N, C-alpha and C. Protein backbone atom coordinates (compact mmCIF):
# COMPACT_ATOMS: atom_id res chain seq x y z
N UNK A 1 17.06 5.77 -3.78
CA UNK A 1 16.65 6.42 -2.55
C UNK A 1 15.16 6.72 -2.62
N UNK A 2 14.60 6.94 -1.49
CA UNK A 2 13.17 7.16 -1.36
C UNK A 2 12.95 8.47 -0.61
N UNK A 3 11.94 9.22 -1.00
CA UNK A 3 11.64 10.44 -0.26
C UNK A 3 10.93 10.09 1.05
N UNK A 4 10.97 11.00 2.00
CA UNK A 4 10.28 10.79 3.26
C UNK A 4 8.78 10.64 3.01
N UNK A 5 8.23 11.44 2.12
CA UNK A 5 6.81 11.35 1.79
C UNK A 5 6.47 9.94 1.29
N UNK A 6 7.29 9.40 0.39
CA UNK A 6 7.06 8.07 -0.15
C UNK A 6 7.16 7.01 0.95
N UNK A 7 8.12 7.17 1.85
CA UNK A 7 8.29 6.21 2.95
C UNK A 7 7.07 6.22 3.85
N UNK A 8 6.57 7.40 4.18
CA UNK A 8 5.37 7.50 5.02
C UNK A 8 4.18 6.84 4.34
N UNK A 9 4.04 7.05 3.03
CA UNK A 9 2.94 6.43 2.29
C UNK A 9 3.04 4.91 2.33
N UNK A 10 4.25 4.38 2.18
CA UNK A 10 4.44 2.93 2.21
C UNK A 10 4.19 2.38 3.61
N UNK A 11 4.67 3.06 4.64
CA UNK A 11 4.44 2.61 6.01
C UNK A 11 2.95 2.58 6.35
N UNK A 12 2.18 3.49 5.78
CA UNK A 12 0.73 3.54 6.04
C UNK A 12 0.00 2.31 5.51
N UNK A 13 0.64 1.53 4.66
CA UNK A 13 0.02 0.33 4.11
C UNK A 13 0.07 -0.85 5.08
N UNK A 14 0.78 -0.70 6.19
CA UNK A 14 0.94 -1.75 7.18
C UNK A 14 0.12 -1.43 8.43
N UNK A 15 -0.20 -2.44 9.24
CA UNK A 15 -0.93 -2.19 10.49
C UNK A 15 -0.11 -1.28 11.41
N UNK A 16 -0.80 -0.40 12.12
CA UNK A 16 -0.11 0.54 13.00
C UNK A 16 0.66 -0.13 14.12
N UNK A 17 0.24 -1.32 14.55
CA UNK A 17 0.93 -1.99 15.65
C UNK A 17 2.10 -2.85 15.18
N UNK A 18 2.35 -2.89 13.88
CA UNK A 18 3.48 -3.66 13.34
C UNK A 18 4.80 -3.04 13.83
N UNK A 19 5.83 -3.86 13.88
CA UNK A 19 7.17 -3.42 14.26
C UNK A 19 8.04 -3.35 13.01
N UNK A 20 9.09 -2.53 13.04
CA UNK A 20 9.96 -2.45 11.88
C UNK A 20 11.40 -2.21 12.30
N UNK A 21 12.32 -2.58 11.38
CA UNK A 21 13.74 -2.34 11.61
C UNK A 21 14.44 -2.20 10.26
N UNK A 22 15.54 -1.48 10.26
CA UNK A 22 16.34 -1.31 9.04
C UNK A 22 17.18 -2.55 8.82
N UNK A 23 17.39 -2.91 7.55
CA UNK A 23 18.15 -4.11 7.23
C UNK A 23 18.97 -3.86 5.97
N UNK A 24 20.22 -4.33 5.99
CA UNK A 24 21.07 -4.27 4.81
C UNK A 24 21.72 -5.63 4.66
N UNK A 25 21.44 -6.30 3.58
CA UNK A 25 21.94 -7.64 3.32
C UNK A 25 21.45 -8.05 1.94
N UNK A 26 20.60 -9.09 1.90
CA UNK A 26 20.02 -9.49 0.62
C UNK A 26 19.19 -8.36 0.02
N UNK A 27 18.58 -7.58 0.89
CA UNK A 27 17.85 -6.37 0.48
C UNK A 27 18.37 -5.22 1.33
N UNK A 28 18.08 -4.02 0.91
CA UNK A 28 18.37 -2.84 1.72
C UNK A 28 17.06 -2.11 1.89
N UNK A 29 16.62 -1.98 3.13
CA UNK A 29 15.36 -1.31 3.35
C UNK A 29 14.86 -1.49 4.76
N UNK A 30 13.55 -1.38 4.90
CA UNK A 30 12.91 -1.50 6.19
C UNK A 30 12.07 -2.77 6.18
N UNK A 31 12.32 -3.64 7.13
CA UNK A 31 11.54 -4.87 7.28
C UNK A 31 10.44 -4.57 8.28
N UNK A 32 9.21 -4.92 7.92
CA UNK A 32 8.05 -4.70 8.79
C UNK A 32 7.55 -6.07 9.23
N UNK A 33 7.37 -6.23 10.55
CA UNK A 33 6.90 -7.52 11.09
C UNK A 33 5.60 -7.31 11.85
N UNK A 34 4.70 -8.27 11.66
CA UNK A 34 3.42 -8.26 12.38
C UNK A 34 3.00 -9.70 12.58
N UNK A 35 2.89 -10.12 13.82
CA UNK A 35 2.62 -11.53 14.15
C UNK A 35 3.69 -12.39 13.48
N UNK A 36 3.32 -13.36 12.68
CA UNK A 36 4.30 -14.20 12.00
C UNK A 36 4.42 -13.84 10.52
N UNK A 37 4.16 -12.61 10.20
CA UNK A 37 4.22 -12.13 8.82
C UNK A 37 5.28 -11.04 8.72
N UNK A 38 5.80 -10.83 7.52
CA UNK A 38 6.76 -9.75 7.33
C UNK A 38 6.56 -9.13 5.95
N UNK A 39 7.05 -7.91 5.81
CA UNK A 39 7.03 -7.20 4.55
C UNK A 39 8.31 -6.40 4.43
N UNK A 40 8.55 -5.82 3.26
CA UNK A 40 9.78 -5.05 3.02
C UNK A 40 9.45 -3.77 2.26
N UNK A 41 9.98 -2.66 2.75
CA UNK A 41 9.96 -1.40 2.02
C UNK A 41 11.40 -1.17 1.57
N UNK A 42 11.64 -1.25 0.29
CA UNK A 42 13.00 -1.09 -0.24
C UNK A 42 13.44 0.36 -0.14
N UNK A 43 14.66 0.57 0.38
CA UNK A 43 15.23 1.91 0.56
C UNK A 43 16.73 1.83 0.32
N UNK A 44 17.13 1.74 -0.91
CA UNK A 44 18.55 1.63 -1.23
C UNK A 44 19.23 2.97 -1.36
N UNK A 45 20.52 2.93 -1.57
CA UNK A 45 21.33 4.14 -1.71
C UNK A 45 21.34 4.69 -3.12
N UNK A 46 20.91 3.89 -4.08
CA UNK A 46 21.00 4.32 -5.48
C UNK A 46 19.87 5.29 -5.84
N UNK A 47 20.11 6.08 -6.85
CA UNK A 47 19.10 7.01 -7.34
C UNK A 47 18.07 6.26 -8.16
N UNK A 48 16.87 6.80 -8.25
CA UNK A 48 15.85 6.20 -9.09
C UNK A 48 14.79 5.46 -8.29
N UNK A 49 13.88 4.85 -9.00
CA UNK A 49 12.75 4.15 -8.38
C UNK A 49 13.21 2.91 -7.64
N UNK A 50 12.55 2.65 -6.54
CA UNK A 50 12.81 1.45 -5.74
C UNK A 50 11.86 0.33 -6.18
N UNK A 51 12.25 -0.92 -5.94
CA UNK A 51 11.32 -2.03 -6.22
C UNK A 51 10.04 -1.87 -5.41
N UNK A 52 8.97 -2.52 -5.85
CA UNK A 52 7.69 -2.45 -5.15
C UNK A 52 7.81 -2.98 -3.73
N UNK A 53 7.02 -2.39 -2.85
CA UNK A 53 6.95 -2.85 -1.46
C UNK A 53 6.33 -4.24 -1.42
N UNK A 54 6.88 -5.08 -0.56
CA UNK A 54 6.33 -6.41 -0.34
C UNK A 54 5.47 -6.33 0.91
N UNK A 55 4.17 -6.51 0.76
CA UNK A 55 3.27 -6.43 1.90
C UNK A 55 3.41 -7.70 2.74
N UNK A 56 2.70 -7.75 3.84
CA UNK A 56 2.85 -8.83 4.80
C UNK A 56 2.60 -10.21 4.19
N UNK A 57 3.59 -11.09 4.34
CA UNK A 57 3.48 -12.47 3.91
C UNK A 57 3.95 -13.35 5.06
N UNK A 58 3.53 -14.58 5.08
CA UNK A 58 3.88 -15.50 6.17
C UNK A 58 5.36 -15.85 6.09
N UNK A 59 6.03 -15.86 7.23
CA UNK A 59 7.45 -16.23 7.29
C UNK A 59 7.67 -17.67 6.94
């Protein structure tokens, strides 16, 4: 799990006009989309540290 503070810090790494949605499948977290690029903020149900955020990469 991730704290709200940590989530806000990770979201600040993306452009303000980017769009995002929650996703549970191959990953569990928030997918951030901007133009034809996407990133992932991992937000799982388990305790402990989450994997590193994946910044915007081309789809």
